[in-house]
Amino acid sequence: HHRDGFGLDTDMKRFVRLFFQPVLIGLAL
């Protein structure tokens, strides 16, 4: 939905952020 927040003000930045969620899941486990 192209929503800005936390400095994620471009689609590319928001897209790249999606790949950090698996990292957090892996780190938790």
PDB file of all heavy atoms in Angstrom:
ATOM      1  N   HIS A   1       0.817  -1.222   0.000  1.00  0.00           N
ATOM      2  CA  HIS A   1       0.000   0.000   0.000  1.00  0.00           C
ATOM      3  C   HIS A   1       0.849   1.269   0.000  1.00  0.00           C
ATOM      4  O   HIS A   1       0.326   2.362   0.206  1.00  0.00           O
ATOM      5  CB  HIS A   1      -0.974  -0.019   1.181  1.00  0.00           C
ATOM      6  CG  HIS A   1      -1.935  -1.168   1.121  1.00  0.00           C
ATOM      7  ND1 HIS A   1      -2.929  -1.268   0.185  1.00  0.00           N
ATOM      8  CD2 HIS A   1      -2.012  -2.292   1.868  1.00  0.00           C
ATOM      9  CE1 HIS A   1      -3.592  -2.399   0.360  1.00  0.00           C
ATOM     10  NE2 HIS A   1      -3.054  -3.043   1.384  1.00  0.00           N
ATOM     11  N   HIS A   2       2.151   1.099  -0.186  1.00  0.00           N
ATOM     12  CA  HIS A   2       3.071   2.240  -0.341  1.00  0.00           C
ATOM     13  C   HIS A   2       3.005   3.208   0.846  1.00  0.00           C
ATOM     14  O   HIS A   2       2.992   4.417   0.675  1.00  0.00           O
ATOM     15  CB  HIS A   2       2.783   2.993  -1.643  1.00  0.00           C
ATOM     16  CG  HIS A   2       2.554   2.101  -2.807  1.00  0.00           C
ATOM     17  ND1 HIS A   2       3.580   1.436  -3.440  1.00  0.00           N
ATOM     18  CD2 HIS A   2       1.411   1.724  -3.441  1.00  0.00           C
ATOM     19  CE1 HIS A   2       3.070   0.707  -4.433  1.00  0.00           C
ATOM     20  NE2 HIS A   2       1.766   0.858  -4.452  1.00  0.00           N
ATOM     21  N   ARG A   3       2.988   2.656   2.056  1.00  0.00           N
ATOM     22  CA  ARG A   3       2.907   3.485   3.259  1.00  0.00           C
ATOM     23  C   ARG A   3       4.295   3.755   3.813  1.00  0.00           C
ATOM     24  O   ARG A   3       5.069   2.833   4.055  1.00  0.00           O
ATOM     25  CB  ARG A   3       2.070   2.793   4.323  1.00  0.00           C
ATOM     26  CG  ARG A   3       0.632   2.613   3.927  1.00  0.00           C
ATOM     27  CD  ARG A   3      -0.145   2.073   5.109  1.00  0.00           C
ATOM     28  NE  ARG A   3      -1.402   1.529   4.666  1.00  0.00           N
ATOM     29  CZ  ARG A   3      -1.927   0.403   5.108  1.00  0.00           C
ATOM     30  NH1 ARG A   3      -1.312  -0.289   6.046  1.00  0.00           N
ATOM     31  NH2 ARG A   3      -3.065  -0.028   4.651  1.00  0.00           N
ATOM     32  N   ASP A   4       4.562   5.019   4.046  1.00  0.00           N
ATOM     33  CA  ASP A   4       5.845   5.401   4.642  1.00  0.00           C
ATOM     34  C   ASP A   4       5.812   5.147   6.140  1.00  0.00           C
ATOM     35  O   ASP A   4       4.772   5.235   6.782  1.00  0.00           O
ATOM     36  CB  ASP A   4       6.134   6.884   4.408  1.00  0.00           C
ATOM     37  CG  ASP A   4       6.361   7.208   2.943  1.00  0.00           C
ATOM     38  OD1 ASP A   4       6.509   6.265   2.147  1.00  0.00           O
ATOM     39  OD2 ASP A   4       6.391   8.392   2.599  1.00  0.00           O
ATOM     40  N   GLY A   5       6.966   4.876   6.689  1.00  0.00           N
ATOM     41  CA  GLY A   5       7.114   4.697   8.127  1.00  0.00           C
ATOM     42  C   GLY A   5       8.520   4.237   8.432  1.00  0.00           C
ATOM     43  O   GLY A   5       9.070   3.394   7.717  1.00  0.00           O
ATOM     44  N   PHE A   6       9.125   4.798   9.442  1.00  0.00           N
ATOM     45  CA  PHE A   6      10.462   4.414   9.898  1.00  0.00           C
ATOM     46  C   PHE A   6      11.520   4.590   8.819  1.00  0.00           C
ATOM     47  O   PHE A   6      12.425   3.778   8.687  1.00  0.00           O
ATOM     48  CB  PHE A   6      10.471   2.973  10.403  1.00  0.00           C
ATOM     49  CG  PHE A   6       9.490   2.719  11.495  1.00  0.00           C
ATOM     50  CD1 PHE A   6       8.341   1.983  11.261  1.00  0.00           C
ATOM     51  CD2 PHE A   6       9.698   3.233  12.754  1.00  0.00           C
ATOM     52  CE1 PHE A   6       7.423   1.762  12.267  1.00  0.00           C
ATOM     53  CE2 PHE A   6       8.791   3.022  13.767  1.00  0.00           C
ATOM     54  CZ  PHE A   6       7.652   2.280  13.520  1.00  0.00           C
ATOM     55  N   GLY A   7      11.388   5.612   8.030  1.00  0.00           N
ATOM     56  CA  GLY A   7      12.363   5.865   6.980  1.00  0.00           C
ATOM     57  C   GLY A   7      12.186   4.974   5.760  1.00  0.00           C
ATOM     58  O   GLY A   7      12.965   5.041   4.818  1.00  0.00           O
ATOM     59  N   LEU A   8      11.177   4.136   5.777  1.00  0.00           N
ATOM     60  CA  LEU A   8      10.883   3.283   4.632  1.00  0.00           C
ATOM     61  C   LEU A   8       9.981   4.078   3.686  1.00  0.00           C
ATOM     62  O   LEU A   8       8.766   3.905   3.664  1.00  0.00           O
ATOM     63  CB  LEU A   8      10.210   1.988   5.090  1.00  0.00           C
ATOM     64  CG  LEU A   8      11.016   1.164   6.090  1.00  0.00           C
ATOM     65  CD1 LEU A   8      10.199   0.017   6.635  1.00  0.00           C
ATOM     66  CD2 LEU A   8      12.292   0.659   5.462  1.00  0.00           C
ATOM     67  N   ASP A   9      10.599   4.944   2.920  1.00  0.00           N
ATOM     68  CA  ASP A   9       9.843   5.884   2.112  1.00  0.00           C
ATOM     69  C   ASP A   9       9.900   5.596   0.616  1.00  0.00           C
ATOM     70  O   ASP A   9       9.509   6.420  -0.200  1.00  0.00           O
ATOM     71  CB  ASP A   9      10.310   7.315   2.392  1.00  0.00           C
ATOM     72  CG  ASP A   9      11.815   7.478   2.244  1.00  0.00           C
ATOM     73  OD1 ASP A   9      12.495   6.504   1.860  1.00  0.00           O
ATOM     74  OD2 ASP A   9      12.309   8.583   2.522  1.00  0.00           O
ATOM     75  N   THR A  10      10.382   4.406   0.267  1.00  0.00           N
ATOM     76  CA  THR A  10      10.342   3.977  -1.133  1.00  0.00           C
ATOM     77  C   THR A  10       9.885   2.515  -1.164  1.00  0.00           C
ATOM     78  O   THR A  10      10.042   1.773  -0.178  1.00  0.00           O
ATOM     79  CB  THR A  10      11.719   4.066  -1.825  1.00  0.00           C
ATOM     80  OG1 THR A  10      12.598   3.104  -1.238  1.00  0.00           O
ATOM     81  CG2 THR A  10      12.319   5.463  -1.721  1.00  0.00           C
ATOM     82  N   ASP A  11       9.339   2.129  -2.301  1.00  0.00           N
ATOM     83  CA  ASP A  11       8.919   0.732  -2.431  1.00  0.00           C
ATOM     84  C   ASP A  11      10.100  -0.221  -2.286  1.00  0.00           C
ATOM     85  O   ASP A  11       9.963  -1.301  -1.722  1.00  0.00           O
ATOM     86  CB  ASP A  11       8.224   0.509  -3.781  1.00  0.00           C
ATOM     87  CG  ASP A  11       6.821   1.089  -3.806  1.00  0.00           C
ATOM     88  OD1 ASP A  11       6.247   1.318  -2.724  1.00  0.00           O
ATOM     89  OD2 ASP A  11       6.298   1.297  -4.917  1.00  0.00           O
ATOM     90  N   MET A  12      11.260   0.176  -2.774  1.00  0.00           N
ATOM     91  CA  MET A  12      12.437  -0.692  -2.679  1.00  0.00           C
ATOM     92  C   MET A  12      12.840  -0.902  -1.219  1.00  0.00           C
ATOM     93  O   MET A  12      13.122  -2.031  -0.800  1.00  0.00           O
ATOM     94  CB  MET A  12      13.608  -0.116  -3.479  1.00  0.00           C
ATOM     95  CG  MET A  12      14.836  -1.008  -3.439  1.00  0.00           C
ATOM     96  SD  MET A  12      14.542  -2.705  -3.992  1.00  0.00           S
ATOM     97  CE  MET A  12      14.495  -2.474  -5.746  1.00  0.00           C
ATOM     98  N   LYS A  13      12.851   0.147  -0.433  1.00  0.00           N
ATOM     99  CA  LYS A  13      13.202   0.008   0.987  1.00  0.00           C
ATOM    100  C   LYS A  13      12.188  -0.883   1.701  1.00  0.00           C
ATOM    101  O   LYS A  13      12.569  -1.727   2.522  1.00  0.00           O
ATOM    102  CB  LYS A  13      13.255   1.377   1.668  1.00  0.00           C
ATOM    103  CG  LYS A  13      14.434   2.223   1.265  1.00  0.00           C
ATOM    104  CD  LYS A  13      14.363   3.567   1.965  1.00  0.00           C
ATOM    105  CE  LYS A  13      15.473   4.509   1.539  1.00  0.00           C
ATOM    106  NZ  LYS A  13      15.335   5.827   2.183  1.00  0.00           N
ATOM    107  N   ARG A  14      10.909  -0.678   1.405  1.00  0.00           N
ATOM    108  CA  ARG A  14       9.882  -1.499   2.045  1.00  0.00           C
ATOM    109  C   ARG A  14      10.005  -2.959   1.607  1.00  0.00           C
ATOM    110  O   ARG A  14       9.794  -3.873   2.400  1.00  0.00           O
ATOM    111  CB  ARG A  14       8.499  -0.933   1.730  1.00  0.00           C
ATOM    112  CG  ARG A  14       8.227   0.393   2.422  1.00  0.00           C
ATOM    113  CD  ARG A  14       6.813   0.893   2.177  1.00  0.00           C
ATOM    114  NE  ARG A  14       6.622   1.434   0.851  1.00  0.00           N
ATOM    115  CZ  ARG A  14       6.755   2.716   0.513  1.00  0.00           C
ATOM    116  NH1 ARG A  14       7.080   3.607   1.435  1.00  0.00           N
ATOM    117  NH2 ARG A  14       6.545   3.122  -0.720  1.00  0.00           N
ATOM    118  N   PHE A  15      10.361  -3.179   0.340  1.00  0.00           N
ATOM    119  CA  PHE A  15      10.517  -4.530  -0.179  1.00  0.00           C
ATOM    120  C   PHE A  15      11.719  -5.233   0.471  1.00  0.00           C
ATOM    121  O   PHE A  15      11.610  -6.383   0.902  1.00  0.00           O
ATOM    122  CB  PHE A  15      10.677  -4.492  -1.707  1.00  0.00           C
ATOM    123  CG  PHE A  15      10.840  -5.841  -2.324  1.00  0.00           C
ATOM    124  CD1 PHE A  15       9.762  -6.704  -2.420  1.00  0.00           C
ATOM    125  CD2 PHE A  15      12.067  -6.253  -2.815  1.00  0.00           C
ATOM    126  CE1 PHE A  15       9.904  -7.963  -2.988  1.00  0.00           C
ATOM    127  CE2 PHE A  15      12.224  -7.506  -3.384  1.00  0.00           C
ATOM    128  CZ  PHE A  15      11.138  -8.367  -3.476  1.00  0.00           C
ATOM    129  N   VAL A  16      12.827  -4.551   0.549  1.00  0.00           N
ATOM    130  CA  VAL A  16      14.033  -5.136   1.148  1.00  0.00           C
ATOM    131  C   VAL A  16      13.768  -5.510   2.604  1.00  0.00           C
ATOM    132  O   VAL A  16      14.223  -6.547   3.090  1.00  0.00           O
ATOM    133  CB  VAL A  16      15.231  -4.163   1.016  1.00  0.00           C
ATOM    134  CG1 VAL A  16      16.407  -4.611   1.865  1.00  0.00           C
ATOM    135  CG2 VAL A  16      15.648  -4.045  -0.447  1.00  0.00           C
ATOM    136  N   ARG A  17      12.992  -4.702   3.288  1.00  0.00           N
ATOM    137  CA  ARG A  17      12.682  -4.985   4.691  1.00  0.00           C
ATOM    138  C   ARG A  17      11.987  -6.329   4.865  1.00  0.00           C
ATOM    139  O   ARG A  17      12.144  -6.990   5.899  1.00  0.00           O
ATOM    140  CB  ARG A  17      11.796  -3.878   5.248  1.00  0.00           C
ATOM    141  CG  ARG A  17      11.417  -4.141   6.685  1.00  0.00           C
ATOM    142  CD  ARG A  17      10.556  -3.025   7.162  1.00  0.00           C
ATOM    143  NE  ARG A  17      10.252  -3.205   8.547  1.00  0.00           N
ATOM    144  CZ  ARG A  17       9.039  -3.102   9.027  1.00  0.00           C
ATOM    145  NH1 ARG A  17       8.042  -2.798   8.237  1.00  0.00           N
ATOM    146  NH2 ARG A  17       8.828  -3.262  10.305  1.00  0.00           N
ATOM    147  N   LEU A  18      11.220  -6.740   3.885  1.00  0.00           N
ATOM    148  CA  LEU A  18      10.501  -8.009   3.984  1.00  0.00           C
ATOM    149  C   LEU A  18      11.449  -9.186   4.229  1.00  0.00           C
ATOM    150  O   LEU A  18      11.081 -10.161   4.869  1.00  0.00           O
ATOM    151  CB  LEU A  18       9.680  -8.263   2.716  1.00  0.00           C
ATOM    152  CG  LEU A  18       8.580  -7.253   2.412  1.00  0.00           C
ATOM    153  CD1 LEU A  18       7.933  -7.570   1.072  1.00  0.00           C
ATOM    154  CD2 LEU A  18       7.542  -7.210   3.522  1.00  0.00           C
ATOM    155  N   PHE A  19      12.671  -9.084   3.735  1.00  0.00           N
ATOM    156  CA  PHE A  19      13.623 -10.181   3.867  1.00  0.00           C
ATOM    157  C   PHE A  19      14.251 -10.260   5.255  1.00  0.00           C
ATOM    158  O   PHE A  19      14.937 -11.238   5.570  1.00  0.00           O
ATOM    159  CB  PHE A  19      14.704 -10.067   2.784  1.00  0.00           C
ATOM    160  CG  PHE A  19      14.135 -10.273   1.411  1.00  0.00           C
ATOM    161  CD1 PHE A  19      13.763  -9.188   0.637  1.00  0.00           C
ATOM    162  CD2 PHE A  19      13.925 -11.555   0.927  1.00  0.00           C
ATOM    163  CE1 PHE A  19      13.208  -9.376  -0.621  1.00  0.00           C
ATOM    164  CE2 PHE A  19      13.374 -11.746  -0.331  1.00  0.00           C
ATOM    165  CZ  PHE A  19      13.021 -10.658  -1.109  1.00  0.00           C
ATOM    166  N   PHE A  20      14.015  -9.265   6.088  1.00  0.00           N
ATOM    167  CA  PHE A  20      14.562  -9.302   7.444  1.00  0.00           C
ATOM    168  C   PHE A  20      13.683 -10.111   8.397  1.00  0.00           C
ATOM    169  O   PHE A  20      14.153 -10.559   9.441  1.00  0.00           O
ATOM    170  CB  PHE A  20      14.791  -7.885   7.976  1.00  0.00           C
ATOM    171  CG  PHE A  20      15.987  -7.234   7.352  1.00  0.00           C
ATOM    172  CD1 PHE A  20      15.846  -6.383   6.271  1.00  0.00           C
ATOM    173  CD2 PHE A  20      17.270  -7.512   7.818  1.00  0.00           C
ATOM    174  CE1 PHE A  20      16.952  -5.806   5.670  1.00  0.00           C
ATOM    175  CE2 PHE A  20      18.383  -6.945   7.220  1.00  0.00           C
ATOM    176  CZ  PHE A  20      18.221  -6.086   6.143  1.00  0.00           C
ATOM    177  N   GLN A  21      12.430 -10.305   8.059  1.00  0.00           N
ATOM    178  CA  GLN A  21      11.545 -11.072   8.932  1.00  0.00           C
ATOM    179  C   GLN A  21      12.024 -12.517   9.091  1.00  0.00           C
ATOM    180  O   GLN A  21      12.061 -13.010  10.219  1.00  0.00           O
ATOM    181  CB  GLN A  21      10.114 -11.009   8.402  1.00  0.00           C
ATOM    182  CG  GLN A  21       9.084 -11.081   9.482  1.00  0.00           C
ATOM    183  CD  GLN A  21       9.036  -9.851  10.358  1.00  0.00           C
ATOM    184  OE1 GLN A  21       9.629  -8.821  10.073  1.00  0.00           O
ATOM    185  NE2 GLN A  21       8.325  -9.938  11.447  1.00  0.00           N
ATOM    186  N   PRO A  22      12.418 -13.206   8.024  1.00  0.00           N
ATOM    187  CA  PRO A  22      12.968 -14.561   8.220  1.00  0.00           C
ATOM    188  C   PRO A  22      14.237 -14.561   9.080  1.00  0.00           C
ATOM    189  O   PRO A  22      14.476 -15.510   9.826  1.00  0.00           O
ATOM    190  CB  PRO A  22      13.271 -15.046   6.803  1.00  0.00           C
ATOM    191  CG  PRO A  22      12.369 -14.240   5.931  1.00  0.00           C
ATOM    192  CD  PRO A  22      12.236 -12.898   6.611  1.00  0.00           C
ATOM    193  N   VAL A  23      15.016 -13.497   9.003  1.00  0.00           N
ATOM    194  CA  VAL A  23      16.223 -13.395   9.838  1.00  0.00           C
ATOM    195  C   VAL A  23      15.823 -13.324  11.309  1.00  0.00           C
ATOM    196  O   VAL A  23      16.428 -13.992  12.163  1.00  0.00           O
ATOM    197  CB  VAL A  23      17.075 -12.172   9.431  1.00  0.00           C
ATOM    198  CG1 VAL A  23      18.216 -11.947  10.405  1.00  0.00           C
ATOM    199  CG2 VAL A  23      17.591 -12.329   8.005  1.00  0.00           C
ATOM    200  N   LEU A  24      14.797 -12.535  11.612  1.00  0.00           N
ATOM    201  CA  LEU A  24      14.324 -12.437  13.000  1.00  0.00           C
ATOM    202  C   LEU A  24      13.780 -13.777  13.489  1.00  0.00           C
ATOM    203  O   LEU A  24      14.021 -14.179  14.633  1.00  0.00           O
ATOM    204  CB  LEU A  24      13.254 -11.349  13.124  1.00  0.00           C
ATOM    205  CG  LEU A  24      13.727  -9.921  12.916  1.00  0.00           C
ATOM    206  CD1 LEU A  24      12.543  -8.963  12.888  1.00  0.00           C
ATOM    207  CD2 LEU A  24      14.723  -9.522  13.984  1.00  0.00           C
ATOM    208  N   ILE A  25      13.049 -14.461  12.630  1.00  0.00           N
ATOM    209  CA  ILE A  25      12.518 -15.782  12.998  1.00  0.00           C
ATOM    210  C   ILE A  25      13.677 -16.741  13.292  1.00  0.00           C
ATOM    211  O   ILE A  25      13.675 -17.431  14.312  1.00  0.00           O
ATOM    212  CB  ILE A  25      11.611 -16.330  11.875  1.00  0.00           C
ATOM    213  CG1 ILE A  25      10.325 -15.490  11.797  1.00  0.00           C
ATOM    214  CG2 ILE A  25      11.279 -17.805  12.094  1.00  0.00           C
ATOM    215  CD1 ILE A  25       9.490 -15.734  10.552  1.00  0.00           C
ATOM    216  N   GLY A  26      14.656 -16.754  12.414  1.00  0.00           N
ATOM    217  CA  GLY A  26      15.814 -17.623  12.624  1.00  0.00           C
ATOM    218  C   GLY A  26      16.583 -17.276  13.883  1.00  0.00           C
ATOM    219  O   GLY A  26      17.003 -18.171  14.630  1.00  0.00           O
ATOM    220  N   LEU A  27      16.763 -15.984  14.140  1.00  0.00           N
ATOM    221  CA  LEU A  27      17.485 -15.558  15.343  1.00  0.00           C
ATOM    222  C   LEU A  27      16.724 -15.962  16.602  1.00  0.00           C
ATOM    223  O   LEU A  27      17.334 -16.408  17.577  1.00  0.00           O
ATOM    224  CB  LEU A  27      17.719 -14.041  15.321  1.00  0.00           C
ATOM    225  CG  LEU A  27      18.502 -13.462  16.494  1.00  0.00           C
ATOM    226  CD1 LEU A  27      19.880 -14.106  16.616  1.00  0.00           C
ATOM    227  CD2 LEU A  27      18.620 -11.950  16.350  1.00  0.00           C
ATOM    228  N   ALA A  28      15.408 -15.832  16.594  1.00  0.00           N
ATOM    229  CA  ALA A  28      14.612 -16.230  17.756  1.00  0.00           C
ATOM    230  C   ALA A  28      14.779 -17.720  18.047  1.00  0.00           C
ATOM    231  O   ALA A  28      14.939 -18.124  19.203  1.00  0.00           O
ATOM    232  CB  ALA A  28      13.142 -15.887  17.530  1.00  0.00           C
ATOM    233  N   LEU A  29      14.759 -18.529  17.005  1.00  0.00           N
ATOM    234  CA  LEU A  29      14.884 -19.979  17.195  1.00  0.00           C
ATOM    235  C   LEU A  29      16.317 -20.377  17.553  1.00  0.00           C
ATOM    236  O   LEU A  29      16.528 -21.181  18.467  1.00  0.00           O
ATOM    237  CB  LEU A  29      14.428 -20.707  15.932  1.00  0.00           C
ATOM    238  CG  LEU A  29      12.950 -20.536  15.570  1.00  0.00           C
ATOM    239  CD1 LEU A  29      12.658 -21.148  14.218  1.00  0.00           C
ATOM    240  CD2 LEU A  29      12.049 -21.115  16.655  1.00  0.00           C
TER     241      LEU A  29
END
